[in-house]
PDB file of N, CA and C in Angstrom:
ATOM      1  N   MET A   1     -29.482 -23.899 -33.628  1.00  0.00           N
ATOM      2  CA  MET A   1     -30.951 -24.191 -33.250  1.00  0.00           C
ATOM      3  C   MET A   1     -31.246 -24.266 -31.683  1.00  0.00           C
ATOM      4  N   GLY A   2     -32.193 -23.827 -31.392  1.00  0.00           N
ATOM      5  CA  GLY A   2     -32.524 -23.777 -29.999  1.00  0.00           C
ATOM      6  C   GLY A   2     -33.524 -22.712 -29.800  1.00  0.00           C
ATOM      7  N   THR A   3     -34.416 -22.838 -28.552  1.00  0.00           N
ATOM      8  CA  THR A   3     -35.186 -21.903 -27.781  1.00  0.00           C
ATOM      9  C   THR A   3     -35.197 -20.475 -27.650  1.00  0.00           C
ATOM     10  N   ARG A   4     -36.005 -19.602 -27.701  1.00  0.00           N
ATOM     11  CA  ARG A   4     -35.750 -18.368 -27.168  1.00  0.00           C
ATOM     12  C   ARG A   4     -35.109 -18.421 -25.436  1.00  0.00           C
ATOM     13  N   ASP A   5     -35.785 -19.555 -24.763  1.00  0.00           N
ATOM     14  CA  ASP A   5     -35.362 -19.422 -23.340  1.00  0.00           C
ATOM     15  C   ASP A   5     -33.915 -19.671 -23.422  1.00  0.00           C
ATOM     16  N   VAL A   6     -33.341 -20.529 -24.227  1.00  0.00           N
ATOM     17  CA  VAL A   6     -31.722 -20.827 -23.986  1.00  0.00           C
ATOM     18  C   VAL A   6     -31.008 -19.549 -24.527  1.00  0.00           C
ATOM     19  N   GLY A   7     -31.344 -18.865 -25.611  1.00  0.00           N
ATOM     20  CA  GLY A   7     -30.752 -17.478 -25.497  1.00  0.00           C
ATOM     21  C   GLY A   7     -30.618 -16.450 -24.348  1.00  0.00           C
ATOM     22  N   LEU A   8     -31.884 -16.595 -23.736  1.00  0.00           N
ATOM     23  CA  LEU A   8     -31.958 -15.564 -22.652  1.00  0.00           C
ATOM     24  C   LEU A   8     -31.251 -16.134 -21.264  1.00  0.00           C
ATOM     25  N   PHE A   9     -30.906 -17.611 -21.372  1.00  0.00           N
ATOM     26  CA  PHE A   9     -30.226 -18.303 -20.315  1.00  0.00           C
ATOM     27  C   PHE A   9     -28.684 -17.818 -20.646  1.00  0.00           C
ATOM     28  N   TRP A  10     -28.264 -18.132 -21.813  1.00  0.00           N
ATOM     29  CA  TRP A  10     -26.755 -17.837 -22.115  1.00  0.00           C
ATOM     30  C   TRP A  10     -26.402 -16.394 -21.797  1.00  0.00           C
ATOM     31  N   SER A  11     -27.233 -15.632 -22.150  1.00  0.00           N
ATOM     32  CA  SER A  11     -27.131 -14.084 -21.848  1.00  0.00           C
ATOM     33  C   SER A  11     -27.041 -13.506 -20.510  1.00  0.00           C
ATOM     34  N   GLU A  12     -27.948 -14.398 -19.414  1.00  0.00           N
ATOM     35  CA  GLU A  12     -27.362 -14.116 -18.282  1.00  0.00           C
ATOM     36  C   GLU A  12     -26.472 -14.951 -17.721  1.00  0.00           C
ATOM     37  N   ALA A  13     -26.231 -16.368 -18.467  1.00  0.00           N
ATOM     38  CA  ALA A  13     -25.108 -17.091 -17.757  1.00  0.00           C
ATOM     39  C   ALA A  13     -23.754 -16.343 -18.002  1.00  0.00           C
ATOM     40  N   LEU A  14     -23.487 -15.849 -19.116  1.00  0.00           N
ATOM     41  CA  LEU A  14     -22.185 -15.296 -19.802  1.00  0.00           C
ATOM     42  C   LEU A  14     -22.020 -13.971 -19.074  1.00  0.00           C
ATOM     43  N   GLY A  15     -23.112 -13.199 -19.035  1.00  0.00           N
ATOM     44  CA  GLY A  15     -23.196 -11.643 -18.868  1.00  0.00           C
ATOM     45  C   GLY A  15     -23.293 -10.984 -20.026  1.00  0.00           C
ATOM     46  N   TRP A  16     -23.625 -11.570 -21.223  1.00  0.00           N
ATOM     47  CA  TRP A  16     -23.194 -11.094 -22.470  1.00  0.00           C
ATOM     48  C   TRP A  16     -24.520 -10.521 -22.916  1.00  0.00           C
ATOM     49  N   PRO A  17     -24.748  -9.314 -23.325  1.00  0.00           N
ATOM     50  CA  PRO A  17     -26.037  -8.449 -23.738  1.00  0.00           C
ATOM     51  C   PRO A  17     -26.819  -9.165 -24.851  1.00  0.00           C
ATOM     52  N   LEU A  18     -28.147  -9.466 -24.849  1.00  0.00           N
ATOM     53  CA  LEU A  18     -28.784  -9.801 -25.861  1.00  0.00           C
ATOM     54  C   LEU A  18     -28.991  -8.712 -26.700  1.00  0.00           C
ATOM     55  N   VAL A  19     -28.486  -9.232 -28.189  1.00  0.00           N
ATOM     56  CA  VAL A  19     -28.058  -8.304 -29.163  1.00  0.00           C
ATOM     57  C   VAL A  19     -29.218  -8.562 -29.995  1.00  0.00           C
ATOM     58  N   TRP A  20     -30.195  -9.588 -30.101  1.00  0.00           N
ATOM     59  CA  TRP A  20     -31.013 -10.037 -30.988  1.00  0.00           C
ATOM     60  C   TRP A  20     -32.189 -10.671 -30.327  1.00  0.00           C
ATOM     61  N   ASP A  21     -33.460 -10.259 -30.441  1.00  0.00           N
ATOM     62  CA  ASP A  21     -34.623 -11.077 -29.670  1.00  0.00           C
ATOM     63  C   ASP A  21     -36.000 -10.552 -30.680  1.00  0.00           C
ATOM     64  N   TRP A  22     -35.950 -11.342 -31.393  1.00  0.00           N
ATOM     65  CA  TRP A  22     -37.200 -11.278 -32.554  1.00  0.00           C
ATOM     66  C   TRP A  22     -37.952 -12.681 -32.885  1.00  0.00           C
ATOM     67  N   ASN A  23     -38.965 -12.862 -32.742  1.00  0.00           N
ATOM     68  CA  ASN A  23     -39.713 -13.935 -33.615  1.00  0.00           C
ATOM     69  C   ASN A  23     -39.199 -15.348 -33.235  1.00  0.00           C
ATOM     70  N   GLN A  24     -38.947 -15.432 -31.650  1.00  0.00           N
ATOM     71  CA  GLN A  24     -38.324 -16.539 -31.005  1.00  0.00           C
ATOM     72  C   GLN A  24     -36.722 -17.067 -31.585  1.00  0.00           C
ATOM     73  N   GLU A  25     -36.054 -15.817 -32.055  1.00  0.00           N
ATOM     74  CA  GLU A  25     -34.640 -15.958 -32.374  1.00  0.00           C
ATOM     75  C   GLU A  25     -33.918 -15.081 -31.032  1.00  0.00           C
ATOM     76  N   THR A  26     -33.024 -15.553 -31.033  1.00  0.00           N
ATOM     77  CA  THR A  26     -32.014 -14.417 -29.842  1.00  0.00           C
ATOM     78  C   THR A  26     -30.481 -14.841 -30.344  1.00  0.00           C
ATOM     79  N   ALA A  27     -29.722 -13.719 -29.775  1.00  0.00           N
ATOM     80  CA  ALA A  27     -28.372 -13.815 -30.222  1.00  0.00           C
ATOM     81  C   ALA A  27     -27.780 -12.881 -28.913  1.00  0.00           C
ATOM     82  N   VAL A  28     -26.371 -13.354 -28.479  1.00  0.00           N
ATOM     83  CA  VAL A  28     -25.736 -12.594 -27.702  1.00  0.00           C
ATOM     84  C   VAL A  28     -24.295 -12.380 -28.178  1.00  0.00           C
ATOM     85  N   GLN A  29     -23.797 -11.426 -27.642  1.00  0.00           N
ATOM     86  CA  GLN A  29     -22.608 -11.029 -28.302  1.00  0.00           C
ATOM     87  C   GLN A  29     -21.595 -10.453 -27.076  1.00  0.00           C
ATOM     88  N   SER A  30     -20.166 -10.867 -26.839  1.00  0.00           N
ATOM     89  CA  SER A  30     -19.582 -10.180 -25.965  1.00  0.00           C
ATOM     90  C   SER A  30     -19.456  -9.020 -25.950  1.00  0.00           C
ATOM     91  N   PRO A  31     -19.547  -8.341 -24.626  1.00  0.00           N
ATOM     92  CA  PRO A  31     -19.599  -6.834 -24.722  1.00  0.00           C
ATOM     93  C   PRO A  31     -18.120  -6.192 -25.094  1.00  0.00           C
ATOM     94  N   LEU A  32     -17.228  -7.203 -25.524  1.00  0.00           N
ATOM     95  CA  LEU A  32     -16.232  -6.767 -25.903  1.00  0.00           C
ATOM     96  C   LEU A  32     -16.386  -6.677 -27.744  1.00  0.00           C
ATOM     97  N   GLY A  33     -17.010  -7.337 -28.163  1.00  0.00           N
ATOM     98  CA  GLY A  33     -17.434  -7.362 -29.701  1.00  0.00           C
ATOM     99  C   GLY A  33     -17.162  -8.683 -30.058  1.00  0.00           C
ATOM    100  N   GLY A  34     -17.346  -8.965 -31.324  1.00  0.00           N
ATOM    101  CA  GLY A  34     -16.651 -10.389 -31.988  1.00  0.00           C
ATOM    102  C   GLY A  34     -17.970 -11.169 -32.446  1.00  0.00           C
ATOM    103  N   THR A  35     -17.701 -12.450 -32.660  1.00  0.00           N
ATOM    104  CA  THR A  35     -18.776 -13.173 -33.238  1.00  0.00           C
ATOM    105  C   THR A  35     -20.058 -13.012 -32.259  1.00  0.00           C
ATOM    106  N   LYS A  36     -21.413 -13.188 -32.903  1.00  0.00           N
ATOM    107  CA  LYS A  36     -22.574 -13.426 -32.224  1.00  0.00           C
ATOM    108  C   LYS A  36     -22.834 -14.956 -31.657  1.00  0.00           C
ATOM    109  N   VAL A  37     -23.543 -15.269 -31.012  1.00  0.00           N
ATOM    110  CA  VAL A  37     -23.954 -16.693 -30.856  1.00  0.00           C
ATOM    111  C   VAL A  37     -25.566 -16.718 -30.769  1.00  0.00           C
ATOM    112  N   ALA A  38     -26.056 -17.230 -31.732  1.00  0.00           N
ATOM    113  CA  ALA A  38     -27.549 -17.092 -32.132  1.00  0.00           C
ATOM    114  C   ALA A  38     -28.433 -18.457 -31.809  1.00  0.00           C
ATOM    115  N   TRP A  39     -29.337 -18.518 -31.380  1.00  0.00           N
ATOM    116  CA  TRP A  39     -30.531 -19.661 -31.326  1.00  0.00           C
ATOM    117  C   TRP A  39     -31.763 -19.174 -31.818  1.00  0.00           C
ATOM    118  N   GLY A  40     -32.301 -20.334 -32.582  1.00  0.00           N
ATOM    119  CA  GLY A  40     -33.689 -20.106 -33.339  1.00  0.00           C
ATOM    120  C   GLY A  40     -33.808 -21.006 -34.423  1.00  0.00           C
ATOM    121  N   GLY A  41     -35.051 -20.838 -34.970  1.00  0.00           N
ATOM    122  CA  GLY A  41     -35.665 -21.579 -36.008  1.00  0.00           C
ATOM    123  C   GLY A  41     -36.490 -22.914 -35.459  1.00  0.00           C
ATOM    124  N   GLN A  42     -36.757 -23.736 -36.337  1.00  0.00           N
ATOM    125  CA  GLN A  42     -37.804 -24.679 -35.771  1.00  0.00           C
ATOM    126  C   GLN A  42     -37.213 -25.550 -34.649  1.00  0.00           C
ATOM    127  N   PRO A  43     -37.855 -26.176 -33.922  1.00  0.00           N
ATOM    128  CA  PRO A  43     -37.836 -26.804 -32.627  1.00  0.00           C
ATOM    129  C   PRO A  43     -36.873 -27.885 -33.337  1.00  0.00           C
ATOM    130  N   ARG A  44     -36.093 -28.457 -32.455  1.00  0.00           N
ATOM    131  CA  ARG A  44     -35.288 -29.815 -33.032  1.00  0.00           C
ATOM    132  C   ARG A  44     -35.992 -30.806 -32.445  1.00  0.00           C
ATOM    133  N   THR A  45     -35.523 -31.954 -32.959  1.00  0.00           N
ATOM    134  CA  THR A  45     -36.125 -33.372 -32.637  1.00  0.00           C
ATOM    135  C   THR A  45     -35.586 -33.701 -31.740  1.00  0.00           C
ATOM    136  N   PRO A  46     -36.454 -34.475 -30.472  1.00  0.00           N
ATOM    137  CA  PRO A  46     -35.631 -34.844 -29.217  1.00  0.00           C
ATOM    138  C   PRO A  46     -34.337 -35.684 -29.111  1.00  0.00           C
ATOM    139  N   LYS A  47     -33.446 -35.399 -28.286  1.00  0.00           N
ATOM    140  CA  LYS A  47     -32.346 -35.711 -28.405  1.00  0.00           C
ATOM    141  C   LYS A  47     -31.991 -36.992 -27.827  1.00  0.00           C
ATOM    142  N   VAL A  48     -31.344 -37.863 -28.751  1.00  0.00           N
ATOM    143  CA  VAL A  48     -31.099 -39.331 -28.605  1.00  0.00           C
ATOM    144  C   VAL A  48     -29.667 -39.838 -28.290  1.00  0.00           C
ATOM    145  N   ALA A  49     -28.930 -39.016 -28.361  1.00  0.00           N
ATOM    146  CA  ALA A  49     -27.498 -39.073 -28.149  1.00  0.00           C
ATOM    147  C   ALA A  49     -26.640 -37.863 -27.508  1.00  0.00           C
ATOM    148  N   ARG A  50     -25.574 -37.944 -26.943  1.00  0.00           N
ATOM    149  CA  ARG A  50     -24.746 -36.892 -26.177  1.00  0.00           C
ATOM    150  C   ARG A  50     -24.453 -36.170 -27.395  1.00  0.00           C
ATOM    151  N   SER A  51     -24.354 -34.800 -27.062  1.00  0.00           N
ATOM    152  CA  SER A  51     -23.621 -33.912 -28.269  1.00  0.00           C
ATOM    153  C   SER A  51     -22.154 -34.152 -27.934  1.00  0.00           C
ATOM    154  N   ASN A  52     -21.467 -34.098 -29.305  1.00  0.00           N
ATOM    155  CA  ASN A  52     -20.236 -33.983 -29.337  1.00  0.00           C
ATOM    156  C   ASN A  52     -19.773 -32.428 -29.489  1.00  0.00           C
ATOM    157  N   GLN A  53     -20.318 -31.580 -29.275  1.00  0.00           N
ATOM    158  CA  GLN A  53     -20.120 -30.339 -29.351  1.00  0.00           C
ATOM    159  C   GLN A  53     -20.749 -29.624 -28.007  1.00  0.00           C
ATOM    160  N   ARG A  54     -19.818 -29.025 -27.375  1.00  0.00           N
ATOM    161  CA  ARG A  54     -20.454 -28.560 -25.901  1.00  0.00           C
ATOM    162  C   ARG A  54     -19.788 -27.305 -25.425  1.00  0.00           C
ATOM    163  N   PHE A  55     -20.309 -26.325 -24.801  1.00  0.00           N
ATOM    164  CA  PHE A  55     -19.484 -25.313 -24.189  1.00  0.00           C
ATOM    165  C   PHE A  55     -18.476 -25.449 -23.057  1.00  0.00           C
ATOM    166  N   LEU A  56     -17.309 -24.986 -22.911  1.00  0.00           N
ATOM    167  CA  LEU A  56     -16.635 -25.202 -21.659  1.00  0.00           C
ATOM    168  C   LEU A  56     -16.589 -23.798 -21.129  1.00  0.00           C
ATOM    169  N   LEU A  57     -17.060 -23.643 -19.836  1.00  0.00           N
ATOM    170  CA  LEU A  57     -17.003 -22.666 -18.814  1.00  0.00           C
ATOM    171  C   LEU A  57     -15.931 -22.617 -18.079  1.00  0.00           C
ATOM    172  N   ALA A  58     -15.196 -21.750 -17.600  1.00  0.00           N
ATOM    173  CA  ALA A  58     -14.133 -21.704 -16.815  1.00  0.00           C
ATOM    174  C   ALA A  58     -14.726 -20.764 -15.405  1.00  0.00           C
ATOM    175  N   THR A  59     -14.391 -21.464 -14.060  1.00  0.00           N
ATOM    176  CA  THR A  59     -15.011 -20.346 -13.014  1.00  0.00           C
ATOM    177  C   THR A  59     -13.571 -19.747 -12.630  1.00  0.00           C
ATOM    178  N   VAL A  60     -13.518 -18.283 -13.079  1.00  0.00           N
ATOM    179  CA  VAL A  60     -12.588 -17.461 -12.713  1.00  0.00           C
ATOM    180  C   VAL A  60     -12.845 -16.886 -11.374  1.00  0.00           C
ATOM    181  N   GLY A  61     -11.903 -16.863 -10.522  1.00  0.00           N
ATOM    182  CA  GLY A  61     -12.107 -16.281  -8.799  1.00  0.00           C
ATOM    183  C   GLY A  61     -13.418 -16.527  -8.591  1.00  0.00           C
ATOM    184  N   ALA A  62     -14.489 -17.728  -8.594  1.00  0.00           N
ATOM    185  CA  ALA A  62     -15.519 -17.894  -8.119  1.00  0.00           C
ATOM    186  C   ALA A  62     -15.278 -19.421  -7.617  1.00  0.00           C
ATOM    187  N   ASP A  63     -16.168 -19.641  -6.479  1.00  0.00           N
ATOM    188  CA  ASP A  63     -16.313 -20.936  -6.006  1.00  0.00           C
ATOM    189  C   ASP A  63     -17.031 -21.919  -6.878  1.00  0.00           C
ATOM    190  N   PRO A  64     -16.406 -22.905  -7.455  1.00  0.00           N
ATOM    191  CA  PRO A  64     -17.570 -23.758  -8.414  1.00  0.00           C
ATOM    192  C   PRO A  64     -18.629 -24.166  -7.929  1.00  0.00           C
ATOM    193  N   GLN A  65     -19.085 -24.306  -6.285  1.00  0.00           N
ATOM    194  CA  GLN A  65     -20.410 -24.622  -6.067  1.00  0.00           C
ATOM    195  C   GLN A  65     -21.536 -23.610  -6.289  1.00  0.00           C
ATOM    196  N   THR A  66     -20.706 -22.128  -5.909  1.00  0.00           N
ATOM    197  CA  THR A  66     -21.501 -21.195  -6.233  1.00  0.00           C
ATOM    198  C   THR A  66     -22.057 -21.076  -7.277  1.00  0.00           C
ATOM    199  N   GLU A  67     -21.000 -21.052  -8.268  1.00  0.00           N
ATOM    200  CA  GLU A  67     -21.483 -21.175  -9.987  1.00  0.00           C
ATOM    201  C   GLU A  67     -22.377 -22.126 -10.436  1.00  0.00           C
ATOM    202  N   ILE A  68     -21.941 -23.309 -10.071  1.00  0.00           N
ATOM    203  CA  ILE A  68     -23.177 -24.302 -10.254  1.00  0.00           C
ATOM    204  C   ILE A  68     -24.426 -23.851  -9.693  1.00  0.00           C
ATOM    205  N   ASP A  69     -24.548 -23.452  -8.471  1.00  0.00           N
ATOM    206  CA  ASP A  69     -26.241 -22.842  -7.878  1.00  0.00           C
ATOM    207  C   ASP A  69     -26.758 -22.028  -8.975  1.00  0.00           C
ATOM    208  N   ARG A  70     -25.434 -20.842  -9.201  1.00  0.00           N
ATOM    209  CA  ARG A  70     -26.262 -19.837  -9.855  1.00  0.00           C
ATOM    210  C   ARG A  70     -26.770 -20.034 -11.361  1.00  0.00           C
ATOM    211  N   LEU A  71     -25.916 -21.203 -12.103  1.00  0.00           N
ATOM    212  CA  LEU A  71     -26.384 -21.722 -13.161  1.00  0.00           C
ATOM    213  C   LEU A  71     -27.569 -22.626 -13.122  1.00  0.00           C
ATOM    214  N   VAL A  72     -28.023 -23.076 -12.060  1.00  0.00           N
ATOM    215  CA  VAL A  72     -29.179 -23.840 -11.872  1.00  0.00           C
ATOM    216  C   VAL A  72     -30.503 -22.977 -11.489  1.00  0.00           C
ATOM    217  N   SER A  73     -29.990 -21.981 -11.021  1.00  0.00           N
ATOM    218  CA  SER A  73     -31.179 -20.815 -10.437  1.00  0.00           C
ATOM    219  C   SER A  73     -31.584 -20.252 -11.846  1.00  0.00           C
ATOM    220  N   LEU A  74     -30.492 -20.276 -13.061  1.00  0.00           N
ATOM    221  CA  LEU A  74     -30.708 -19.371 -14.367  1.00  0.00           C
ATOM    222  C   LEU A  74     -31.870 -20.548 -15.005  1.00  0.00           C
ATOM    223  N   GLY A  75     -31.706 -21.764 -14.844  1.00  0.00           N
ATOM    224  CA  GLY A  75     -32.452 -22.828 -15.557  1.00  0.00           C
ATOM    225  C   GLY A  75     -31.491 -23.908 -16.163  1.00  0.00           C
ATOM    226  N   ALA A  76     -30.421 -23.946 -15.896  1.00  0.00           N
ATOM    227  CA  ALA A  76     -29.475 -25.225 -16.013  1.00  0.00           C
ATOM    228  C   ALA A  76     -29.909 -26.506 -15.274  1.00  0.00           C
ATOM    229  N   THR A  77     -29.888 -27.683 -15.522  1.00  0.00           N
ATOM    230  CA  THR A  77     -29.755 -28.872 -14.814  1.00  0.00           C
ATOM    231  C   THR A  77     -28.458 -29.199 -14.490  1.00  0.00           C
ATOM    232  N   LEU A  78     -28.223 -29.881 -13.459  1.00  0.00           N
ATOM    233  CA  LEU A  78     -26.992 -30.434 -12.725  1.00  0.00           C
ATOM    234  C   LEU A  78     -27.348 -31.795 -13.156  1.00  0.00           C
ATOM    235  N   ILE A  79     -26.079 -32.362 -14.006  1.00  0.00           N
ATOM    236  CA  ILE A  79     -25.908 -33.962 -14.480  1.00  0.00           C
ATOM    237  C   ILE A  79     -24.963 -34.430 -13.273  1.00  0.00           C
ATOM    238  N   ALA A  80     -23.809 -33.790 -13.189  1.00  0.00           N
ATOM    239  CA  ALA A  80     -22.740 -34.462 -12.347  1.00  0.00           C
ATOM    240  C   ALA A  80     -21.871 -33.681 -11.637  1.00  0.00           C
ATOM    241  N   VAL A  81     -20.854 -33.925 -10.613  1.00  0.00           N
ATOM    242  CA  VAL A  81     -19.920 -33.142 -10.066  1.00  0.00           C
ATOM    243  C   VAL A  81     -18.993 -33.838 -10.122  1.00  0.00           C
ATOM    244  N   ASP A  82     -17.692 -33.608 -10.421  1.00  0.00           N
ATOM    245  CA  ASP A  82     -16.453 -34.318 -10.101  1.00  0.00           C
ATOM    246  C   ASP A  82     -15.906 -33.896  -8.969  1.00  0.00           C
ATOM    247  N   GLU A  83     -14.859 -34.621  -8.367  1.00  0.00           N
ATOM    248  CA  GLU A  83     -14.037 -34.662  -7.222  1.00  0.00           C
ATOM    249  C   GLU A  83     -13.584 -33.161  -7.158  1.00  0.00           C
ATOM    250  N   ASP A  84     -13.168 -32.717  -8.308  1.00  0.00           N
ATOM    251  CA  ASP A  84     -12.368 -31.609  -8.753  1.00  0.00           C
ATOM    252  C   ASP A  84     -13.058 -30.460  -8.810  1.00  0.00           C
ATOM    253  N   GLY A  85     -14.393 -30.562  -8.487  1.00  0.00           N
ATOM    254  CA  GLY A  85     -15.368 -29.399  -8.542  1.00  0.00           C
ATOM    255  C   GLY A  85     -16.146 -29.014 -10.125  1.00  0.00           C
ATOM    256  N   SER A  86     -15.401 -30.219 -11.104  1.00  0.00           N
ATOM    257  CA  SER A  86     -15.689 -29.832 -12.423  1.00  0.00           C
ATOM    258  C   SER A  86     -17.198 -30.259 -12.721  1.00  0.00           C
ATOM    259  N   ALA A  87     -18.109 -29.713 -13.448  1.00  0.00           N
ATOM    260  CA  ALA A  87     -19.401 -30.138 -13.448  1.00  0.00           C
ATOM    261  C   ALA A  87     -19.966 -30.180 -14.771  1.00  0.00           C
ATOM    262  N   GLU A  88     -21.129 -31.186 -15.022  1.00  0.00           N
ATOM    263  CA  GLU A  88     -21.746 -31.311 -16.204  1.00  0.00           C
ATOM    264  C   GLU A  88     -23.200 -30.835 -16.200  1.00  0.00           C
ATOM    265  N   LEU A  89     -23.519 -29.880 -16.909  1.00  0.00           N
ATOM    266  CA  LEU A  89     -24.924 -29.427 -16.713  1.00  0.00           C
ATOM    267  C   LEU A  89     -25.564 -29.542 -18.117  1.00  0.00           C
ATOM    268  N   THR A  90     -26.700 -29.219 -18.292  1.00  0.00           N
ATOM    269  CA  THR A  90     -27.565 -28.927 -19.263  1.00  0.00           C
ATOM    270  C   THR A  90     -28.199 -27.443 -19.668  1.00  0.00           C
ATOM    271  N   ASP A  91     -28.346 -27.076 -20.587  1.00  0.00           N
ATOM    272  CA  ASP A  91     -29.062 -25.480 -20.699  1.00  0.00           C
ATOM    273  C   ASP A  91     -30.695 -25.878 -20.783  1.00  0.00           C
ATOM    274  N   PRO A  92     -31.364 -25.045 -20.590  1.00  0.00           N
ATOM    275  CA  PRO A  92     -32.883 -25.192 -20.820  1.00  0.00           C
ATOM    276  C   PRO A  92     -33.330 -26.208 -21.648  1.00  0.00           C
ATOM    277  N   ASP A  93     -32.508 -26.106 -23.236  1.00  0.00           N
ATOM    278  CA  ASP A  93     -32.926 -27.102 -24.133  1.00  0.00           C
ATOM    279  C   ASP A  93     -32.362 -28.391 -23.978  1.00  0.00           C
ATOM    280  N   GLY A  94     -31.547 -28.649 -22.964  1.00  0.00           N
ATOM    281  CA  GLY A  94     -31.020 -29.933 -23.007  1.00  0.00           C
ATOM    282  C   GLY A  94     -29.642 -30.190 -23.359  1.00  0.00           C
ATOM    283  N   LYS A  95     -28.990 -29.022 -23.991  1.00  0.00           N
ATOM    284  CA  LYS A  95     -27.752 -29.354 -24.626  1.00  0.00           C
ATOM    285  C   LYS A  95     -26.400 -29.194 -23.227  1.00  0.00           C
ATOM    286  N   GLU A  96     -25.740 -30.545 -23.315  1.00  0.00           N
ATOM    287  CA  GLU A  96     -24.639 -30.366 -22.286  1.00  0.00           C
ATOM    288  C   GLU A  96     -23.790 -29.113 -22.451  1.00  0.00           C
ATOM    289  N   PHE A  97     -23.117 -28.763 -21.342  1.00  0.00           N
ATOM    290  CA  PHE A  97     -21.972 -27.984 -21.229  1.00  0.00           C
ATOM    291  C   PHE A  97     -21.351 -28.328 -19.625  1.00  0.00           C
ATOM    292  N   CYS A  98     -20.023 -27.980 -19.995  1.00  0.00           N
ATOM    293  CA  CYS A  98     -19.082 -28.175 -18.895  1.00  0.00           C
ATOM    294  C   CYS A  98     -18.784 -26.862 -17.974  1.00  0.00           C
ATOM    295  N   LEU A  99     -18.612 -27.174 -16.862  1.00  0.00           N
ATOM    296  CA  LEU A  99     -18.156 -25.851 -15.764  1.00  0.00           C
ATOM    297  C   LEU A  99     -16.876 -26.403 -15.037  1.00  0.00           C
ATOM    298  N   ARG A 100     -15.650 -25.857 -15.271  1.00  0.00           N
ATOM    299  CA  ARG A 100     -14.386 -26.300 -14.524  1.00  0.00           C
ATOM    300  C   ARG A 100     -13.653 -25.295 -13.592  1.00  0.00           C
ATOM    301  N   PRO A 101     -13.257 -25.488 -12.889  1.00  0.00           N
ATOM    302  CA  PRO A 101     -12.640 -24.588 -11.995  1.00  0.00           C
ATOM    303  C   PRO A 101     -11.485 -24.218 -12.708  1.00  0.00           C
ATOM    304  N   ALA A 102     -11.163 -22.867 -12.671  1.00  0.00           N
ATOM    305  CA  ALA A 102      -9.892 -22.369 -13.378  1.00  0.00           C
ATOM    306  C   ALA A 102      -8.602 -22.336 -12.384  1.00  0.00           C
TER     307      ALA A 102
END
């Protein structure tokens, strides 16, 4: 479940092409192929607890703060940054994800 905006966000964030964009449904897929990640359907009810499932992104060859700034410019919201540069953010739909230095 998720909005079209979150599909567009993840396409840009991951650098993966948008392979489906129709009727408020979106999907992205690695340029190397494999499983598609999709969003769409009825709007979710408001979130009342933290998600027990989240993406974990690694910053490979990038400065963590630069990557945080890039993700925020794409629509993410910064929740917290740890001393090691790890960060917790949310996507445009409010789903948590983590960014860690590689």
